């Protein structure tokens, strides 16, 4: 048997392993940043599909609120609580701390088992000019949005590989990863890094039956919008920018449930990249088909 033939067989074996995730009943799903927004919606969506959910967040009370929602679902929706009598568990985790993430993964394995699905959702928004952004702010955005994904993916992928029955990793990127834009250098850079990491991991983990998806939503109507950090020396200008940005999100944002449902479908069908909302799809195709137009468009203000 040639090395190439052996490799192809490993790929096929991995694809066969992943088929089991088309039915999510009884699976274990870990969601970071699950205390609100997309993360909370993801926890509810996977629970409705029959999964047990581990909700991790830097705000433990918010994580517990999500757990309460998951464990007392609408009876018409079914889900983990209806099947198993309580389908979610809350944990306090700071995804920027690698040791915390490793300890969290150890506890999950001991108490609940090896996850079948990991959703790396914890994220932070930031708008402001590059030259006005302090180094520590830029680094913090990268710590949450990128390194948090790295830490989680590494430790849980190891568990999935050791178990030997496949799994899936969902990384929340953004439509900002497809196109450059003024005043979001830190945020867009972190999300573009997540998109590339996801593609690399997808190639590397295929033979183990582990799928990887990058979910790239556009504007989403969540509390994430109110927590976006604005780097602007002038307080009046900062206030005005926040007001305009909030108005844009209210007008154009899609509900987090739409993103969550896309995640569930992506796991079931092992999709590599999922765009959510027409703007995200447009950005993806413009970046591929009209890069010059993309760069011209990047000169306009996002807010």
C-alpha atoms as a PDB file:
ATOM      1  CA  UNK A   1       0.000   0.000   0.000  1.00  0.00           C
ATOM      2  CA  UNK A   2       1.410   3.386  -1.008  1.00  0.00           C
ATOM      3  CA  UNK A   3       1.522   6.279   1.484  1.00  0.00           C
ATOM      4  CA  UNK A   4      -1.025   8.133  -0.645  1.00  0.00           C
ATOM      5  CA  UNK A   5      -3.447   5.190  -0.614  1.00  0.00           C
ATOM      6  CA  UNK A   6      -3.066   4.866   3.147  1.00  0.00           C
ATOM      7  CA  UNK A   7      -3.796   8.554   3.587  1.00  0.00           C
ATOM      8  CA  UNK A   8      -6.936   8.382   1.444  1.00  0.00           C
ATOM      9  CA  UNK A   9      -8.187   5.438   3.503  1.00  0.00           C
ATOM     10  CA  UNK A  10      -7.683   7.434   6.716  1.00  0.00           C
ATOM     11  CA  UNK A  11      -9.667  10.311   5.209  1.00  0.00           C
ATOM     12  CA  UNK A  12     -12.511   7.965   4.257  1.00  0.00           C
ATOM     13  CA  UNK A  13     -12.491   6.410   7.717  1.00  0.00           C
ATOM     14  CA  UNK A  14     -12.706   9.879   9.241  1.00  0.00           C
ATOM     15  CA  UNK A  15     -15.621  10.832   7.013  1.00  0.00           C
ATOM     16  CA  UNK A  16     -17.442   7.665   8.060  1.00  0.00           C
ATOM     17  CA  UNK A  17     -16.885   8.444  11.750  1.00  0.00           C
ATOM     18  CA  UNK A  18     -18.380  11.877  11.347  1.00  0.00           C
ATOM     19  CA  UNK A  19     -21.649  10.535   9.915  1.00  0.00           C
ATOM     20  CA  UNK A  20     -22.858   9.700  13.425  1.00  0.00           C
ATOM     21  CA  UNK A  21     -23.288  13.414  14.192  1.00  0.00           C
ATOM     22  CA  UNK A  22     -26.228  13.703  11.827  1.00  0.00           C
ATOM     23  CA  UNK A  23     -28.264  12.627  14.834  1.00  0.00           C
ATOM     24  CA  UNK A  24     -27.305  14.789  17.828  1.00  0.00           C
ATOM     25  CA  UNK A  25     -29.504  12.967  20.351  1.00  0.00           C
ATOM     26  CA  UNK A  26     -27.454  12.161  23.445  1.00  0.00           C
ATOM     27  CA  UNK A  27     -24.322  13.963  22.269  1.00  0.00           C
ATOM     28  CA  UNK A  28     -22.314  16.290  24.515  1.00  0.00           C
ATOM     29  CA  UNK A  29     -21.840  19.871  23.314  1.00  0.00           C
ATOM     30  CA  UNK A  30     -19.546  22.475  24.920  1.00  0.00           C
ATOM     31  CA  UNK A  31     -20.318  26.145  24.214  1.00  0.00           C
ATOM     32  CA  UNK A  32     -17.978  28.945  25.293  1.00  0.00           C
ATOM     33  CA  UNK A  33     -19.394  32.424  25.715  1.00  0.00           C
ATOM     34  CA  UNK A  34     -22.686  30.665  26.337  1.00  0.00           C
ATOM     35  CA  UNK A  35     -24.053  33.166  28.823  1.00  0.00           C
ATOM     36  CA  UNK A  36     -25.771  35.345  26.243  1.00  0.00           C
ATOM     37  CA  UNK A  37     -26.245  36.172  22.560  1.00  0.00           C
ATOM     38  CA  UNK A  38     -25.138  33.636  19.981  1.00  0.00           C
ATOM     39  CA  UNK A  39     -23.733  31.339  22.666  1.00  0.00           C
ATOM     40  CA  UNK A  40     -27.021  31.170  24.558  1.00  0.00           C
ATOM     41  CA  UNK A  41     -28.940  30.579  21.338  1.00  0.00           C
ATOM     42  CA  UNK A  42     -26.459  27.834  20.379  1.00  0.00           C
ATOM     43  CA  UNK A  43     -26.929  26.086  23.717  1.00  0.00           C
ATOM     44  CA  UNK A  44     -30.693  26.139  23.225  1.00  0.00           C
ATOM     45  CA  UNK A  45     -30.492  24.997  19.599  1.00  0.00           C
ATOM     46  CA  UNK A  46     -28.232  22.014  20.340  1.00  0.00           C
ATOM     47  CA  UNK A  47     -30.388  21.094  23.321  1.00  0.00           C
ATOM     48  CA  UNK A  48     -33.482  21.185  21.114  1.00  0.00           C
ATOM     49  CA  UNK A  49     -31.645  18.766  18.806  1.00  0.00           C
ATOM     50  CA  UNK A  50     -31.224  16.357  21.715  1.00  0.00           C
ATOM     51  CA  UNK A  51     -27.780  17.223  23.053  1.00  0.00           C
ATOM     52  CA  UNK A  52     -26.525  17.647  26.618  1.00  0.00           C
ATOM     53  CA  UNK A  53     -24.904  21.099  26.807  1.00  0.00           C
ATOM     54  CA  UNK A  54     -21.995  22.421  28.870  1.00  0.00           C
ATOM     55  CA  UNK A  55     -22.234  26.211  29.034  1.00  0.00           C
ATOM     56  CA  UNK A  56     -19.005  28.088  29.774  1.00  0.00           C
ATOM     57  CA  UNK A  57     -18.770  31.831  30.296  1.00  0.00           C
ATOM     58  CA  UNK A  58     -16.657  34.402  32.111  1.00  0.00           C
ATOM     59  CA  UNK A  59     -19.927  35.458  33.784  1.00  0.00           C
ATOM     60  CA  UNK A  60     -21.071  32.424  35.796  1.00  0.00           C
ATOM     61  CA  UNK A  61     -24.493  33.886  36.585  1.00  0.00           C
ATOM     62  CA  UNK A  62     -25.169  34.441  32.899  1.00  0.00           C
ATOM     63  CA  UNK A  63     -24.111  30.845  32.187  1.00  0.00           C
ATOM     64  CA  UNK A  64     -26.515  29.645  34.878  1.00  0.00           C
ATOM     65  CA  UNK A  65     -29.327  31.659  33.331  1.00  0.00           C
ATOM     66  CA  UNK A  66     -28.693  29.895  30.029  1.00  0.00           C
ATOM     67  CA  UNK A  67     -28.694  26.542  31.797  1.00  0.00           C
ATOM     68  CA  UNK A  68     -32.053  27.362  33.392  1.00  0.00           C
ATOM     69  CA  UNK A  69     -33.465  28.195  29.973  1.00  0.00           C
ATOM     70  CA  UNK A  70     -32.131  24.965  28.492  1.00  0.00           C
ATOM     71  CA  UNK A  71     -33.369  22.823  31.366  1.00  0.00           C
ATOM     72  CA  UNK A  72     -36.884  24.261  31.224  1.00  0.00           C
ATOM     73  CA  UNK A  73     -37.584  24.324  27.481  1.00  0.00           C
ATOM     74  CA  UNK A  74     -40.840  24.597  25.678  1.00  0.00           C
ATOM     75  CA  UNK A  75     -42.206  21.025  25.912  1.00  0.00           C
ATOM     76  CA  UNK A  76     -43.212  21.203  22.263  1.00  0.00           C
ATOM     77  CA  UNK A  77     -39.554  21.598  21.279  1.00  0.00           C
ATOM     78  CA  UNK A  78     -38.353  18.385  22.926  1.00  0.00           C
ATOM     79  CA  UNK A  79     -34.617  18.530  23.459  1.00  0.00           C
ATOM     80  CA  UNK A  80     -32.204  17.240  26.053  1.00  0.00           C
ATOM     81  CA  UNK A  81     -34.204  18.242  29.118  1.00  0.00           C
ATOM     82  CA  UNK A  82     -37.249  16.404  27.840  1.00  0.00           C
ATOM     83  CA  UNK A  83     -35.195  13.290  27.067  1.00  0.00           C
ATOM     84  CA  UNK A  84     -32.705  13.194  29.942  1.00  0.00           C
ATOM     85  CA  UNK A  85     -34.399  15.227  32.677  1.00  0.00           C
ATOM     86  CA  UNK A  86     -31.911  18.122  32.703  1.00  0.00           C
ATOM     87  CA  UNK A  87     -29.610  18.840  29.826  1.00  0.00           C
ATOM     88  CA  UNK A  88     -27.172  21.629  30.703  1.00  0.00           C
ATOM     89  CA  UNK A  89     -24.368  22.505  33.118  1.00  0.00           C
ATOM     90  CA  UNK A  90     -22.711  25.870  33.819  1.00  0.00           C
ATOM     91  CA  UNK A  91     -18.999  26.602  34.277  1.00  0.00           C
ATOM     92  CA  UNK A  92     -16.944  29.723  34.910  1.00  0.00           C
ATOM     93  CA  UNK A  93     -14.160  29.976  32.305  1.00  0.00           C
ATOM     94  CA  UNK A  94     -11.915  32.759  31.050  1.00  0.00           C
ATOM     95  CA  UNK A  95     -10.930  31.564  27.576  1.00  0.00           C
ATOM     96  CA  UNK A  96      -7.886  33.877  27.525  1.00  0.00           C
ATOM     97  CA  UNK A  97      -6.269  31.796  30.288  1.00  0.00           C
ATOM     98  CA  UNK A  98      -4.885  28.580  28.814  1.00  0.00           C
ATOM     99  CA  UNK A  99      -4.536  26.894  32.205  1.00  0.00           C
ATOM    100  CA  UNK A 100      -8.167  27.652  33.011  1.00  0.00           C
ATOM    101  CA  UNK A 101      -9.266  26.189  29.679  1.00  0.00           C
ATOM    102  CA  UNK A 102      -7.204  23.048  30.294  1.00  0.00           C
ATOM    103  CA  UNK A 103      -8.656  22.628  33.784  1.00  0.00           C
ATOM    104  CA  UNK A 104     -12.149  23.194  32.412  1.00  0.00           C
ATOM    105  CA  UNK A 105     -11.597  20.498  29.773  1.00  0.00           C
ATOM    106  CA  UNK A 106     -10.354  18.097  32.446  1.00  0.00           C
ATOM    107  CA  UNK A 107     -13.483  18.677  34.560  1.00  0.00           C
ATOM    108  CA  UNK A 108     -15.770  18.226  31.563  1.00  0.00           C
ATOM    109  CA  UNK A 109     -14.121  14.926  30.716  1.00  0.00           C
ATOM    110  CA  UNK A 110     -14.305  13.633  34.288  1.00  0.00           C
ATOM    111  CA  UNK A 111     -17.886  14.740  34.972  1.00  0.00           C
ATOM    112  CA  UNK A 112     -19.619  14.484  31.606  1.00  0.00           C
ATOM    113  CA  UNK A 113     -17.310  12.701  29.152  1.00  0.00           C
ATOM    114  CA  UNK A 114     -15.510  13.775  26.007  1.00  0.00           C
ATOM    115  CA  UNK A 115     -17.490  16.366  24.029  1.00  0.00           C
ATOM    116  CA  UNK A 116     -18.841  15.435  20.634  1.00  0.00           C
ATOM    117  CA  UNK A 117     -19.100  19.101  19.625  1.00  0.00           C
ATOM    118  CA  UNK A 118     -17.153  22.168  20.733  1.00  0.00           C
ATOM    119  CA  UNK A 119     -18.498  25.634  19.929  1.00  0.00           C
ATOM    120  CA  UNK A 120     -15.795  28.294  20.334  1.00  0.00           C
ATOM    121  CA  UNK A 121     -18.084  31.295  20.561  1.00  0.00           C
ATOM    122  CA  UNK A 122     -16.622  33.622  23.221  1.00  0.00           C
ATOM    123  CA  UNK A 123     -15.812  36.919  21.524  1.00  0.00           C
ATOM    124  CA  UNK A 124     -15.164  40.616  21.947  1.00  0.00           C
ATOM    125  CA  UNK A 125     -15.936  43.530  19.613  1.00  0.00           C
ATOM    126  CA  UNK A 126     -13.787  46.623  19.177  1.00  0.00           C
ATOM    127  CA  UNK A 127     -14.083  49.663  16.901  1.00  0.00           C
ATOM    128  CA  UNK A 128     -11.475  52.381  16.627  1.00  0.00           C
ATOM    129  CA  UNK A 129      -8.603  53.631  14.527  1.00  0.00           C
ATOM    130  CA  UNK A 130      -5.468  51.514  14.515  1.00  0.00           C
ATOM    131  CA  UNK A 131      -3.147  54.294  15.698  1.00  0.00           C
ATOM    132  CA  UNK A 132      -5.432  55.171  18.620  1.00  0.00           C
ATOM    133  CA  UNK A 133      -5.758  51.564  19.781  1.00  0.00           C
ATOM    134  CA  UNK A 134      -3.429  50.842  22.726  1.00  0.00           C
ATOM    135  CA  UNK A 135      -1.316  47.721  22.362  1.00  0.00           C
ATOM    136  CA  UNK A 136      -2.922  46.091  25.398  1.00  0.00           C
ATOM    137  CA  UNK A 137      -6.396  46.594  23.891  1.00  0.00           C
ATOM    138  CA  UNK A 138      -5.345  45.044  20.570  1.00  0.00           C
ATOM    139  CA  UNK A 139      -3.773  42.123  22.422  1.00  0.00           C
ATOM    140  CA  UNK A 140      -6.886  41.606  24.546  1.00  0.00           C
ATOM    141  CA  UNK A 141      -9.069  41.367  21.434  1.00  0.00           C
ATOM    142  CA  UNK A 142      -6.683  38.755  20.018  1.00  0.00           C
ATOM    143  CA  UNK A 143      -6.585  36.912  23.354  1.00  0.00           C
ATOM    144  CA  UNK A 144     -10.365  36.507  23.464  1.00  0.00           C
ATOM    145  CA  UNK A 145     -11.225  36.115  19.796  1.00  0.00           C
ATOM    146  CA  UNK A 146      -8.246  34.112  18.566  1.00  0.00           C
ATOM    147  CA  UNK A 147      -6.185  32.577  21.369  1.00  0.00           C
ATOM    148  CA  UNK A 148      -9.355  31.485  23.171  1.00  0.00           C
ATOM    149  CA  UNK A 149     -10.254  29.499  20.057  1.00  0.00           C
ATOM    150  CA  UNK A 150      -6.743  28.039  19.881  1.00  0.00           C
ATOM    151  CA  UNK A 151      -6.748  26.933  23.522  1.00  0.00           C
ATOM    152  CA  UNK A 152     -10.183  25.354  23.336  1.00  0.00           C
ATOM    153  CA  UNK A 153      -9.617  23.661  19.997  1.00  0.00           C
ATOM    154  CA  UNK A 154      -6.285  22.185  21.090  1.00  0.00           C
ATOM    155  CA  UNK A 155      -7.369  20.626  24.361  1.00  0.00           C
ATOM    156  CA  UNK A 156     -10.734  19.290  23.189  1.00  0.00           C
ATOM    157  CA  UNK A 157      -9.363  18.053  19.841  1.00  0.00           C
ATOM    158  CA  UNK A 158      -6.844  15.987  21.818  1.00  0.00           C
ATOM    159  CA  UNK A 159      -9.686  14.446  23.786  1.00  0.00           C
ATOM    160  CA  UNK A 160     -11.647  13.676  20.644  1.00  0.00           C
ATOM    161  CA  UNK A 161      -8.614  12.093  18.967  1.00  0.00           C
ATOM    162  CA  UNK A 162      -7.869   9.925  22.009  1.00  0.00           C
ATOM    163  CA  UNK A 163     -11.483   8.739  22.181  1.00  0.00           C
ATOM    164  CA  UNK A 164     -11.328   7.744  18.521  1.00  0.00           C
ATOM    165  CA  UNK A 165     -14.972   8.255  17.545  1.00  0.00           C
ATOM    166  CA  UNK A 166     -14.791  11.664  15.862  1.00  0.00           C
ATOM    167  CA  UNK A 167     -16.433  14.959  16.721  1.00  0.00           C
ATOM    168  CA  UNK A 168     -16.866  18.498  15.497  1.00  0.00           C
ATOM    169  CA  UNK A 169     -15.452  21.939  16.281  1.00  0.00           C
ATOM    170  CA  UNK A 170     -17.409  25.095  15.457  1.00  0.00           C
ATOM    171  CA  UNK A 171     -15.431  28.339  15.506  1.00  0.00           C
ATOM    172  CA  UNK A 172     -17.302  31.633  15.390  1.00  0.00           C
ATOM    173  CA  UNK A 173     -15.536  33.918  12.931  1.00  0.00           C
ATOM    174  CA  UNK A 174     -17.240  36.851  11.181  1.00  0.00           C
ATOM    175  CA  UNK A 175     -18.084  38.340   7.808  1.00  0.00           C
ATOM    176  CA  UNK A 176     -15.369  40.844   8.757  1.00  0.00           C
ATOM    177  CA  UNK A 177     -12.856  38.076   8.044  1.00  0.00           C
ATOM    178  CA  UNK A 178     -13.585  38.283   4.314  1.00  0.00           C
ATOM    179  CA  UNK A 179     -13.088  41.997   3.722  1.00  0.00           C
ATOM    180  CA  UNK A 180     -10.837  44.703   5.184  1.00  0.00           C
ATOM    181  CA  UNK A 181     -12.583  47.649   6.804  1.00  0.00           C
ATOM    182  CA  UNK A 182     -11.528  50.909   8.397  1.00  0.00           C
ATOM    183  CA  UNK A 183     -11.562  51.145  12.193  1.00  0.00           C
ATOM    184  CA  UNK A 184     -11.905  47.431  12.953  1.00  0.00           C
ATOM    185  CA  UNK A 185      -8.306  46.297  12.444  1.00  0.00           C
ATOM    186  CA  UNK A 186      -8.054  44.362  15.708  1.00  0.00           C
ATOM    187  CA  UNK A 187     -11.451  42.692  15.415  1.00  0.00           C
ATOM    188  CA  UNK A 188     -11.163  41.821  11.714  1.00  0.00           C
ATOM    189  CA  UNK A 189      -7.622  40.505  12.162  1.00  0.00           C
ATOM    190  CA  UNK A 190      -8.696  38.230  15.009  1.00  0.00           C
ATOM    191  CA  UNK A 191     -11.654  36.851  13.043  1.00  0.00           C
ATOM    192  CA  UNK A 192      -9.605  36.355   9.865  1.00  0.00           C
ATOM    193  CA  UNK A 193      -7.135  34.371  11.965  1.00  0.00           C
ATOM    194  CA  UNK A 194      -9.995  32.198  13.246  1.00  0.00           C
ATOM    195  CA  UNK A 195     -11.146  31.553   9.679  1.00  0.00           C
ATOM    196  CA  UNK A 196      -7.685  30.424   8.553  1.00  0.00           C
ATOM    197  CA  UNK A 197      -7.148  28.364  11.693  1.00  0.00           C
ATOM    198  CA  UNK A 198     -10.439  26.596  11.053  1.00  0.00           C
ATOM    199  CA  UNK A 199      -9.487  25.677   7.497  1.00  0.00           C
ATOM    200  CA  UNK A 200      -6.102  24.356   8.661  1.00  0.00           C
ATOM    201  CA  UNK A 201      -7.657  22.316  11.455  1.00  0.00           C
ATOM    202  CA  UNK A 202     -10.276  20.919   9.097  1.00  0.00           C
ATOM    203  CA  UNK A 203      -7.527  19.493   6.879  1.00  0.00           C
ATOM    204  CA  UNK A 204      -5.514  18.177   9.813  1.00  0.00           C
ATOM    205  CA  UNK A 205      -8.331  16.574  11.799  1.00  0.00           C
ATOM    206  CA  UNK A 206     -10.198  14.989   8.880  1.00  0.00           C
ATOM    207  CA  UNK A 207      -8.625  11.562   9.286  1.00  0.00           C
ATOM    208  CA  UNK A 208      -9.807  11.419  12.914  1.00  0.00           C
ATOM    209  CA  UNK A 209     -13.429  12.016  11.967  1.00  0.00           C
ATOM    210  CA  UNK A 210     -13.377  15.515  13.446  1.00  0.00           C
ATOM    211  CA  UNK A 211     -15.084  18.158  11.344  1.00  0.00           C
ATOM    212  CA  UNK A 212     -14.337  21.857  11.668  1.00  0.00           C
ATOM    213  CA  UNK A 213     -16.645  24.712  10.703  1.00  0.00           C
ATOM    214  CA  UNK A 214     -16.070  28.449  10.644  1.00  0.00           C
ATOM    215  CA  UNK A 215     -19.352  30.299  11.130  1.00  0.00           C
ATOM    216  CA  UNK A 216     -19.223  33.793   9.647  1.00  0.00           C
ATOM    217  CA  UNK A 217     -22.250  35.908  10.553  1.00  0.00           C
ATOM    218  CA  UNK A 218     -22.704  39.527   9.642  1.00  0.00           C
ATOM    219  CA  UNK A 219     -24.471  41.857  12.079  1.00  0.00           C
ATOM    220  CA  UNK A 220     -26.290  39.961  14.839  1.00  0.00           C
ATOM    221  CA  UNK A 221     -28.798  41.517  17.227  1.00  0.00           C
ATOM    222  CA  UNK A 222     -27.385  40.561  20.631  1.00  0.00           C
ATOM    223  CA  UNK A 223     -26.055  42.206  23.780  1.00  0.00           C
ATOM    224  CA  UNK A 224     -22.626  41.840  22.131  1.00  0.00           C
ATOM    225  CA  UNK A 225     -23.414  45.108  20.364  1.00  0.00           C
ATOM    226  CA  UNK A 226     -23.748  47.071  23.598  1.00  0.00           C
ATOM    227  CA  UNK A 227     -20.451  45.666  24.872  1.00  0.00           C
ATOM    228  CA  UNK A 228     -18.419  46.674  21.814  1.00  0.00           C
ATOM    229  CA  UNK A 229     -15.436  48.745  22.924  1.00  0.00           C
ATOM    230  CA  UNK A 230     -14.971  52.054  21.109  1.00  0.00           C
ATOM    231  CA  UNK A 231     -11.454  53.465  20.984  1.00  0.00           C
ATOM    232  CA  UNK A 232     -11.957  57.195  20.492  1.00  0.00           C
ATOM    233  CA  UNK A 233     -10.174  59.960  22.466  1.00  0.00           C
ATOM    234  CA  UNK A 234     -13.087  62.411  22.100  1.00  0.00           C
ATOM    235  CA  UNK A 235     -15.963  61.309  24.399  1.00  0.00           C
ATOM    236  CA  UNK A 236     -18.609  63.088  22.345  1.00  0.00           C
ATOM    237  CA  UNK A 237     -17.452  61.436  19.135  1.00  0.00           C
ATOM    238  CA  UNK A 238     -17.273  58.081  20.942  1.00  0.00           C
ATOM    239  CA  UNK A 239     -20.861  58.477  22.152  1.00  0.00           C
ATOM    240  CA  UNK A 240     -22.071  59.413  18.663  1.00  0.00           C
ATOM    241  CA  UNK A 241     -20.294  56.436  17.071  1.00  0.00           C
ATOM    242  CA  UNK A 242     -21.806  54.042  19.602  1.00  0.00           C
ATOM    243  CA  UNK A 243     -25.272  55.448  18.939  1.00  0.00           C
ATOM    244  CA  UNK A 244     -24.914  55.081  15.157  1.00  0.00           C
ATOM    245  CA  UNK A 245     -23.518  51.570  15.439  1.00  0.00           C
ATOM    246  CA  UNK A 246     -26.372  50.492  17.729  1.00  0.00           C
ATOM    247  CA  UNK A 247     -28.893  51.859  15.222  1.00  0.00           C
ATOM    248  CA  UNK A 248     -27.264  49.893  12.400  1.00  0.00           C
ATOM    249  CA  UNK A 249     -27.371  46.669  14.421  1.00  0.00           C
ATOM    250  CA  UNK A 250     -31.028  47.214  15.312  1.00  0.00           C
ATOM    251  CA  UNK A 251     -31.926  47.818  11.681  1.00  0.00           C
ATOM    252  CA  UNK A 252     -29.807  45.197   9.929  1.00  0.00           C
ATOM    253  CA  UNK A 253     -28.945  42.618  12.564  1.00  0.00           C
ATOM    254  CA  UNK A 254     -30.208  39.039  12.324  1.00  0.00           C
ATOM    255  CA  UNK A 255     -31.442  37.187  15.427  1.00  0.00           C
ATOM    256  CA  UNK A 256     -28.876  34.970  17.198  1.00  0.00           C
ATOM    257  CA  UNK A 257     -31.201  31.991  16.778  1.00  0.00           C
ATOM    258  CA  UNK A 258     -30.548  32.128  13.036  1.00  0.00           C
ATOM    259  CA  UNK A 259     -26.812  31.771  13.640  1.00  0.00           C
ATOM    260  CA  UNK A 260     -27.386  28.971  16.150  1.00  0.00           C
ATOM    261  CA  UNK A 261     -29.547  26.989  13.737  1.00  0.00           C
ATOM    262  CA  UNK A 262     -26.842  27.387  11.098  1.00  0.00           C
ATOM    263  CA  UNK A 263     -24.349  25.893  13.553  1.00  0.00           C
ATOM    264  CA  UNK A 264     -26.496  22.826  14.153  1.00  0.00           C
ATOM    265  CA  UNK A 265     -26.929  22.296  10.411  1.00  0.00           C
ATOM    266  CA  UNK A 266     -23.191  22.772   9.850  1.00  0.00           C
ATOM    267  CA  UNK A 267     -22.363  20.021  12.350  1.00  0.00           C
ATOM    268  CA  UNK A 268     -24.891  17.626  10.881  1.00  0.00           C
ATOM    269  CA  UNK A 269     -23.622  18.136   7.340  1.00  0.00           C
ATOM    270  CA  UNK A 270     -19.965  18.842   8.127  1.00  0.00           C
ATOM    271  CA  UNK A 271     -19.855  22.194   6.348  1.00  0.00           C
ATOM    272  CA  UNK A 272     -16.485  24.006   6.221  1.00  0.00           C
ATOM    273  CA  UNK A 273     -17.680  27.630   6.117  1.00  0.00           C
ATOM    274  CA  UNK A 274     -21.145  28.940   6.911  1.00  0.00           C
ATOM    275  CA  UNK A 275     -22.176  32.515   6.166  1.00  0.00           C
ATOM    276  CA  UNK A 276     -25.227  33.905   7.918  1.00  0.00           C
ATOM    277  CA  UNK A 277     -27.196  36.838   6.452  1.00  0.00           C
ATOM    278  CA  UNK A 278     -27.052  38.226   2.899  1.00  0.00           C
ATOM    279  CA  UNK A 279     -24.307  40.739   3.737  1.00  0.00           C
ATOM    280  CA  UNK A 280     -21.992  37.962   4.900  1.00  0.00           C
ATOM    281  CA  UNK A 281     -22.570  35.981   1.713  1.00  0.00           C
ATOM    282  CA  UNK A 282     -21.958  39.109  -0.383  1.00  0.00           C
ATOM    283  CA  UNK A 283     -18.708  39.875   1.423  1.00  0.00           C
ATOM    284  CA  UNK A 284     -17.473  36.335   0.850  1.00  0.00           C
ATOM    285  CA  UNK A 285     -18.114  36.423  -2.890  1.00  0.00           C
ATOM    286  CA  UNK A 286     -16.867  39.980  -3.420  1.00  0.00           C
ATOM    287  CA  UNK A 287     -13.600  39.072  -1.696  1.00  0.00           C
ATOM    288  CA  UNK A 288     -13.171  36.197  -4.149  1.00  0.00           C
ATOM    289  CA  UNK A 289     -14.499  37.667  -7.383  1.00  0.00           C
ATOM    290  CA  UNK A 290     -13.804  41.390  -7.091  1.00  0.00           C
ATOM    291  CA  UNK A 291     -10.860  42.011  -4.747  1.00  0.00           C
ATOM    292  CA  UNK A 292     -10.293  45.517  -6.142  1.00  0.00           C
ATOM    293  CA  UNK A 293     -13.876  46.521  -5.367  1.00  0.00           C
ATOM    294  CA  UNK A 294     -13.415  44.999  -1.929  1.00  0.00           C
ATOM    295  CA  UNK A 295     -10.431  47.212  -1.218  1.00  0.00           C
ATOM    296  CA  UNK A 296     -12.224  50.316  -2.452  1.00  0.00           C
ATOM    297  CA  UNK A 297     -15.176  49.510  -0.221  1.00  0.00           C
ATOM    298  CA  UNK A 298     -12.878  49.156   2.792  1.00  0.00           C
ATOM    299  CA  UNK A 299     -12.218  52.899   2.707  1.00  0.00           C
ATOM    300  CA  UNK A 300     -15.708  53.739   3.942  1.00  0.00           C
ATOM    301  CA  UNK A 301     -16.559  54.033   7.613  1.00  0.00           C
ATOM    302  CA  UNK A 302     -18.259  51.030   9.209  1.00  0.00           C
ATOM    303  CA  UNK A 303     -20.239  53.236  11.571  1.00  0.00           C
END
